[in-house]
Amino acid sequence: MSDDAMAAGDRMAEALQAENAALAALDLPRAGAMLARKQRALADLAAAQTLAAATPRDAADRMARRLQGLAIENKRLLERAIAAQGRVIGVIAQAAAAQAATGGYGPSHGHRPVAVALSAKA
C-alpha cells in the first residue's frame, strides 16, 4: 500500500470514527452531516488503491483490519440509530392516534361545555 493509499485509509478511518462517535451519542444530525466527508474519503481511498504500488503487505493488512473493524461498528451503530428513530416515530404515532380517539365534547373527552346565556327581552 502506497503512502497515498495509507493517508487515504487514515482519512477514511477518521471519518468512520467521527461518524461512529456521533452515532454512539445518537446525535443523528451530526452523523448525517458527515456523509459528504465519508464519501470523499472513500473516493480518495479507491483512487489511491488503483495507483498503489508495492508497499509492505503487513501495513496494508493492518489498514484493512482497521477499516473493517470501523465499518462493522459503523453498520451496528447505524442500525441502532435507525431502530431508535423507529421507536420514537412509533411513540409519536401512538400518541397522535390516542389523541384523535379522544375527540368530542364533554368531561369524558377533555372538553368543557361553555356556558351561554340568551336573553329574549324585547
N, C-alpha and C. Protein backbone atom coordinates (compact mmCIF):
# COMPACT_ATOMS: atom_id res chain seq x y z
N MET A 1 0.85 -1.17 0.00
CA MET A 1 0.00 0.00 0.00
C MET A 1 0.90 1.23 0.00
N SER A 2 0.65 2.15 -0.92
CA SER A 2 1.47 3.36 -1.05
C SER A 2 1.18 4.32 0.11
N ASP A 3 2.08 5.33 0.20
CA ASP A 3 1.86 6.35 1.22
C ASP A 3 0.53 7.08 0.99
N ASP A 4 0.20 7.32 -0.29
CA ASP A 4 -1.08 7.97 -0.61
C ASP A 4 -2.25 7.10 -0.17
N ALA A 5 -2.13 5.81 -0.40
CA ALA A 5 -3.21 4.90 -0.01
C ALA A 5 -3.32 4.83 1.51
N MET A 6 -2.18 4.83 2.20
CA MET A 6 -2.21 4.81 3.67
C MET A 6 -2.85 6.09 4.20
N ALA A 7 -2.51 7.24 3.61
CA ALA A 7 -3.11 8.50 4.04
C ALA A 7 -4.61 8.51 3.76
N ALA A 8 -4.99 7.99 2.61
CA ALA A 8 -6.42 7.90 2.28
C ALA A 8 -7.14 6.96 3.24
N GLY A 9 -6.47 5.86 3.59
CA GLY A 9 -7.04 4.93 4.57
C GLY A 9 -7.20 5.59 5.93
N ASP A 10 -6.22 6.39 6.33
CA ASP A 10 -6.33 7.11 7.60
C ASP A 10 -7.49 8.10 7.57
N ARG A 11 -7.68 8.81 6.45
CA ARG A 11 -8.81 9.75 6.35
C ARG A 11 -10.15 9.00 6.43
N MET A 12 -10.20 7.83 5.79
CA MET A 12 -11.42 7.03 5.85
C MET A 12 -11.68 6.57 7.28
N ALA A 13 -10.63 6.12 7.95
CA ALA A 13 -10.77 5.68 9.34
C ALA A 13 -11.22 6.83 10.24
N GLU A 14 -10.64 8.01 10.04
CA GLU A 14 -11.03 9.18 10.84
C GLU A 14 -12.48 9.56 10.60
N ALA A 15 -12.92 9.48 9.35
CA ALA A 15 -14.32 9.79 9.02
C ALA A 15 -15.25 8.78 9.69
N LEU A 16 -14.90 7.51 9.65
CA LEU A 16 -15.72 6.48 10.30
C LEU A 16 -15.72 6.66 11.82
N GLN A 17 -14.58 6.96 12.39
CA GLN A 17 -14.52 7.16 13.85
C GLN A 17 -15.39 8.34 14.27
N ALA A 18 -15.33 9.44 13.52
CA ALA A 18 -16.14 10.61 13.85
C ALA A 18 -17.63 10.29 13.73
N GLU A 19 -18.00 9.60 12.66
CA GLU A 19 -19.41 9.25 12.49
C GLU A 19 -19.85 8.26 13.57
N ASN A 20 -19.00 7.30 13.90
CA ASN A 20 -19.34 6.34 14.95
C ASN A 20 -19.54 7.04 16.28
N ALA A 21 -18.71 8.04 16.58
CA ALA A 21 -18.88 8.79 17.84
C ALA A 21 -20.22 9.51 17.86
N ALA A 22 -20.59 10.11 16.74
CA ALA A 22 -21.89 10.80 16.66
C ALA A 22 -23.04 9.80 16.80
N LEU A 23 -22.92 8.66 16.14
CA LEU A 23 -23.98 7.65 16.22
C LEU A 23 -24.08 7.06 17.62
N ALA A 24 -22.94 6.85 18.26
CA ALA A 24 -22.95 6.30 19.63
C ALA A 24 -23.67 7.25 20.58
N ALA A 25 -23.56 8.55 20.32
CA ALA A 25 -24.24 9.56 21.14
C ALA A 25 -25.66 9.80 20.64
N LEU A 26 -26.08 9.06 19.62
CA LEU A 26 -27.38 9.25 18.96
C LEU A 26 -27.58 10.69 18.51
N ASP A 27 -26.47 11.34 18.10
CA ASP A 27 -26.52 12.68 17.53
C ASP A 27 -26.69 12.50 16.02
N LEU A 28 -27.91 12.20 15.61
CA LEU A 28 -28.19 11.86 14.22
C LEU A 28 -27.97 13.02 13.25
N PRO A 29 -28.29 14.27 13.61
CA PRO A 29 -27.99 15.36 12.68
C PRO A 29 -26.49 15.48 12.40
N ARG A 30 -25.67 15.35 13.45
CA ARG A 30 -24.21 15.44 13.26
C ARG A 30 -23.72 14.26 12.42
N ALA A 31 -24.24 13.08 12.68
CA ALA A 31 -23.84 11.89 11.90
C ALA A 31 -24.24 12.05 10.44
N GLY A 32 -25.43 12.53 10.19
CA GLY A 32 -25.89 12.73 8.82
C GLY A 32 -25.07 13.77 8.08
N ALA A 33 -24.60 14.79 8.81
CA ALA A 33 -23.80 15.84 8.18
C ALA A 33 -22.42 15.34 7.75
N MET A 34 -22.04 14.16 8.21
CA MET A 34 -20.72 13.61 7.88
C MET A 34 -20.71 12.78 6.61
N LEU A 35 -21.85 12.65 5.96
CA LEU A 35 -21.94 11.81 4.77
C LEU A 35 -20.97 12.25 3.67
N ALA A 36 -20.93 13.53 3.37
CA ALA A 36 -20.05 14.03 2.30
C ALA A 36 -18.59 13.73 2.63
N ARG A 37 -18.20 13.93 3.87
CA ARG A 37 -16.82 13.64 4.29
C ARG A 37 -16.49 12.16 4.08
N LYS A 38 -17.42 11.31 4.46
CA LYS A 38 -17.20 9.87 4.32
C LYS A 38 -17.13 9.48 2.84
N GLN A 39 -17.97 10.07 2.01
CA GLN A 39 -17.96 9.76 0.58
C GLN A 39 -16.65 10.21 -0.07
N ARG A 40 -16.16 11.42 0.32
CA ARG A 40 -14.87 11.89 -0.22
C ARG A 40 -13.74 10.97 0.20
N ALA A 41 -13.73 10.58 1.46
CA ALA A 41 -12.67 9.69 1.96
C ALA A 41 -12.69 8.35 1.23
N LEU A 42 -13.88 7.84 0.98
CA LEU A 42 -14.00 6.57 0.26
C LEU A 42 -13.52 6.70 -1.18
N ALA A 43 -13.88 7.80 -1.83
CA ALA A 43 -13.42 8.03 -3.20
C ALA A 43 -11.90 8.18 -3.25
N ASP A 44 -11.33 8.90 -2.29
CA ASP A 44 -9.87 9.05 -2.23
C ASP A 44 -9.19 7.70 -2.02
N LEU A 45 -9.76 6.88 -1.15
CA LEU A 45 -9.19 5.56 -0.88
C LEU A 45 -9.25 4.69 -2.12
N ALA A 46 -10.36 4.71 -2.82
CA ALA A 46 -10.49 3.91 -4.04
C ALA A 46 -9.50 4.37 -5.10
N ALA A 47 -9.34 5.69 -5.25
CA ALA A 47 -8.40 6.23 -6.24
C ALA A 47 -6.97 5.86 -5.87
N ALA A 48 -6.62 5.96 -4.60
CA ALA A 48 -5.27 5.63 -4.16
C ALA A 48 -4.98 4.15 -4.34
N GLN A 49 -5.98 3.31 -4.15
CA GLN A 49 -5.79 1.86 -4.31
C GLN A 49 -5.47 1.51 -5.76
N THR A 50 -6.09 2.21 -6.69
CA THR A 50 -5.84 1.90 -8.10
C THR A 50 -4.43 2.31 -8.51
N LEU A 51 -3.85 3.28 -7.80
CA LEU A 51 -2.50 3.74 -8.10
C LEU A 51 -1.44 3.09 -7.19
N ALA A 52 -1.88 2.26 -6.28
CA ALA A 52 -0.97 1.71 -5.27
C ALA A 52 0.11 0.84 -5.93
N ALA A 53 1.32 1.07 -5.44
CA ALA A 53 2.44 0.25 -5.89
C ALA A 53 2.79 -0.72 -4.77
N ALA A 54 3.92 -1.32 -4.88
CA ALA A 54 4.35 -2.29 -3.86
C ALA A 54 4.61 -1.57 -2.54
N THR A 55 3.94 -2.01 -1.54
CA THR A 55 4.11 -1.49 -0.19
C THR A 55 4.13 -2.70 0.72
N PRO A 56 4.77 -2.59 1.85
CA PRO A 56 4.79 -3.75 2.76
C PRO A 56 3.38 -4.30 3.00
N ARG A 57 3.25 -5.57 2.82
CA ARG A 57 1.94 -6.25 2.93
C ARG A 57 1.36 -6.10 4.33
N ASP A 58 2.19 -6.11 5.35
CA ASP A 58 1.66 -6.02 6.71
C ASP A 58 0.99 -4.67 6.97
N ALA A 59 1.50 -3.58 6.36
CA ALA A 59 0.86 -2.27 6.53
C ALA A 59 -0.52 -2.27 5.88
N ALA A 60 -0.61 -2.87 4.70
CA ALA A 60 -1.90 -2.95 4.01
C ALA A 60 -2.87 -3.81 4.80
N ASP A 61 -2.39 -4.91 5.37
CA ASP A 61 -3.26 -5.78 6.18
C ASP A 61 -3.76 -5.07 7.43
N ARG A 62 -2.88 -4.32 8.09
CA ARG A 62 -3.28 -3.57 9.30
C ARG A 62 -4.36 -2.55 8.95
N MET A 63 -4.16 -1.84 7.83
CA MET A 63 -5.13 -0.82 7.42
C MET A 63 -6.46 -1.50 7.08
N ALA A 64 -6.40 -2.62 6.38
CA ALA A 64 -7.63 -3.33 6.01
C ALA A 64 -8.38 -3.79 7.27
N ARG A 65 -7.68 -4.30 8.26
CA ARG A 65 -8.33 -4.74 9.50
C ARG A 65 -8.93 -3.55 10.25
N ARG A 66 -8.19 -2.45 10.28
CA ARG A 66 -8.68 -1.25 10.96
C ARG A 66 -9.97 -0.76 10.32
N LEU A 67 -9.96 -0.65 9.00
CA LEU A 67 -11.14 -0.17 8.29
C LEU A 67 -12.31 -1.15 8.41
N GLN A 68 -12.01 -2.43 8.38
CA GLN A 68 -13.07 -3.43 8.51
C GLN A 68 -13.74 -3.32 9.89
N GLY A 69 -12.93 -3.20 10.94
CA GLY A 69 -13.49 -3.05 12.29
C GLY A 69 -14.35 -1.80 12.42
N LEU A 70 -13.85 -0.70 11.87
CA LEU A 70 -14.62 0.55 11.93
C LEU A 70 -15.90 0.45 11.11
N ALA A 71 -15.84 -0.20 9.96
CA ALA A 71 -17.04 -0.35 9.12
C ALA A 71 -18.08 -1.23 9.81
N ILE A 72 -17.65 -2.28 10.48
CA ILE A 72 -18.58 -3.15 11.20
C ILE A 72 -19.25 -2.38 12.34
N GLU A 73 -18.46 -1.59 13.07
CA GLU A 73 -19.01 -0.77 14.16
C GLU A 73 -19.96 0.28 13.59
N ASN A 74 -19.60 0.88 12.46
CA ASN A 74 -20.44 1.87 11.82
C ASN A 74 -21.79 1.27 11.45
N LYS A 75 -21.78 0.08 10.88
CA LYS A 75 -23.03 -0.60 10.50
C LYS A 75 -23.90 -0.85 11.73
N ARG A 76 -23.28 -1.34 12.81
CA ARG A 76 -24.03 -1.63 14.04
C ARG A 76 -24.66 -0.35 14.60
N LEU A 77 -23.88 0.73 14.61
CA LEU A 77 -24.40 1.98 15.15
C LEU A 77 -25.48 2.60 14.25
N LEU A 78 -25.33 2.47 12.94
CA LEU A 78 -26.38 2.95 12.04
C LEU A 78 -27.68 2.18 12.25
N GLU A 79 -27.58 0.87 12.40
CA GLU A 79 -28.78 0.06 12.64
C GLU A 79 -29.43 0.45 13.97
N ARG A 80 -28.61 0.72 14.98
CA ARG A 80 -29.13 1.15 16.29
C ARG A 80 -29.85 2.49 16.16
N ALA A 81 -29.26 3.42 15.42
CA ALA A 81 -29.88 4.74 15.24
C ALA A 81 -31.20 4.63 14.49
N ILE A 82 -31.24 3.78 13.48
CA ILE A 82 -32.48 3.58 12.71
C ILE A 82 -33.56 2.98 13.62
N ALA A 83 -33.18 2.02 14.44
CA ALA A 83 -34.16 1.40 15.36
C ALA A 83 -34.66 2.43 16.38
N ALA A 84 -33.77 3.27 16.89
CA ALA A 84 -34.19 4.29 17.86
C ALA A 84 -35.15 5.28 17.21
N GLN A 85 -34.85 5.70 15.99
CA GLN A 85 -35.76 6.60 15.29
C GLN A 85 -37.11 5.95 15.07
N GLY A 86 -37.12 4.67 14.75
CA GLY A 86 -38.37 3.94 14.56
C GLY A 86 -39.20 3.91 15.82
N ARG A 87 -38.53 3.72 16.96
CA ARG A 87 -39.25 3.71 18.24
C ARG A 87 -39.84 5.08 18.55
N VAL A 88 -39.08 6.14 18.29
CA VAL A 88 -39.58 7.50 18.55
C VAL A 88 -40.78 7.79 17.66
N ILE A 89 -40.69 7.44 16.39
CA ILE A 89 -41.81 7.66 15.48
C ILE A 89 -43.02 6.85 15.92
N GLY A 90 -42.81 5.63 16.40
CA GLY A 90 -43.90 4.80 16.89
C GLY A 90 -44.60 5.43 18.09
N VAL A 91 -43.82 5.97 19.02
CA VAL A 91 -44.40 6.62 20.20
C VAL A 91 -45.22 7.83 19.79
N ILE A 92 -44.68 8.62 18.87
CA ILE A 92 -45.40 9.82 18.42
C ILE A 92 -46.69 9.42 17.69
N ALA A 93 -46.61 8.42 16.84
CA ALA A 93 -47.81 7.97 16.11
C ALA A 93 -48.85 7.42 17.07
N GLN A 94 -48.42 6.68 18.06
CA GLN A 94 -49.35 6.11 19.05
C GLN A 94 -50.01 7.23 19.86
N ALA A 95 -49.25 8.24 20.24
CA ALA A 95 -49.81 9.36 21.00
C ALA A 95 -50.79 10.14 20.13
N ALA A 96 -50.47 10.33 18.86
CA ALA A 96 -51.37 11.05 17.97
C ALA A 96 -52.67 10.27 17.77
N ALA A 97 -52.57 8.95 17.63
CA ALA A 97 -53.77 8.12 17.46
C ALA A 97 -54.63 8.16 18.72
N ALA A 98 -54.00 8.13 19.88
CA ALA A 98 -54.75 8.18 21.14
C ALA A 98 -55.45 9.54 21.28
N GLN A 99 -54.77 10.60 20.88
CA GLN A 99 -55.37 11.93 20.96
C GLN A 99 -56.56 12.03 20.02
N ALA A 100 -56.44 11.49 18.82
CA ALA A 100 -57.53 11.54 17.86
C ALA A 100 -58.73 10.72 18.34
N ALA A 101 -58.49 9.65 19.04
CA ALA A 101 -59.56 8.78 19.53
C ALA A 101 -60.35 9.43 20.66
N THR A 102 -59.78 10.40 21.34
CA THR A 102 -60.47 11.04 22.45
C THR A 102 -61.19 12.31 22.02
N GLY A 103 -61.41 12.50 20.73
CA GLY A 103 -62.09 13.69 20.24
C GLY A 103 -63.53 13.75 20.71
N GLY A 104 -64.16 14.89 20.63
CA GLY A 104 -65.54 15.07 21.06
C GLY A 104 -65.64 16.12 22.14
N TYR A 105 -66.83 16.21 22.77
CA TYR A 105 -67.05 17.22 23.80
C TYR A 105 -67.53 16.55 25.07
N GLY A 106 -67.47 17.31 26.13
CA GLY A 106 -67.94 16.82 27.41
C GLY A 106 -66.77 16.43 28.30
N PRO A 107 -67.06 16.23 29.58
CA PRO A 107 -65.99 15.94 30.55
C PRO A 107 -65.21 14.67 30.20
N SER A 108 -65.86 13.68 29.62
CA SER A 108 -65.17 12.44 29.32
C SER A 108 -64.21 12.59 28.14
N HIS A 109 -64.32 13.67 27.39
CA HIS A 109 -63.46 13.89 26.23
C HIS A 109 -62.46 15.01 26.46
N GLY A 110 -62.40 15.51 27.67
CA GLY A 110 -61.43 16.54 27.97
C GLY A 110 -61.84 17.95 27.60
N HIS A 111 -63.07 18.14 27.14
CA HIS A 111 -63.54 19.47 26.79
C HIS A 111 -64.71 19.83 27.70
N ARG A 112 -64.72 21.05 28.16
CA ARG A 112 -65.83 21.51 29.00
C ARG A 112 -66.80 22.31 28.14
N PRO A 113 -68.09 22.13 28.39
CA PRO A 113 -69.03 22.96 27.64
C PRO A 113 -68.91 24.42 28.11
N VAL A 114 -69.13 25.32 27.20
CA VAL A 114 -69.05 26.74 27.51
C VAL A 114 -70.45 27.22 27.90
N ALA A 115 -70.51 27.95 29.00
CA ALA A 115 -71.81 28.48 29.44
C ALA A 115 -72.24 29.61 28.52
N VAL A 116 -73.47 29.53 28.08
CA VAL A 116 -74.01 30.55 27.19
C VAL A 116 -75.37 30.97 27.75
N ALA A 117 -75.60 32.25 27.85
CA ALA A 117 -76.90 32.76 28.33
C ALA A 117 -77.53 33.57 27.21
N LEU A 118 -78.77 33.30 26.98
CA LEU A 118 -79.51 34.04 25.97
C LEU A 118 -80.63 34.80 26.65
N SER A 119 -80.90 35.95 26.16
CA SER A 119 -81.99 36.75 26.69
C SER A 119 -82.96 37.07 25.57
N ALA A 120 -84.24 36.90 25.83
CA ALA A 120 -85.26 37.16 24.81
C ALA A 120 -86.09 38.38 25.16
N LYS A 121 -85.52 39.35 25.80
CA LYS A 121 -86.24 40.56 26.16
C LYS A 121 -86.39 41.43 24.92
N ALA A 122 -87.56 41.93 24.76
CA ALA A 122 -87.78 42.80 23.63
C ALA A 122 -88.27 44.15 24.05
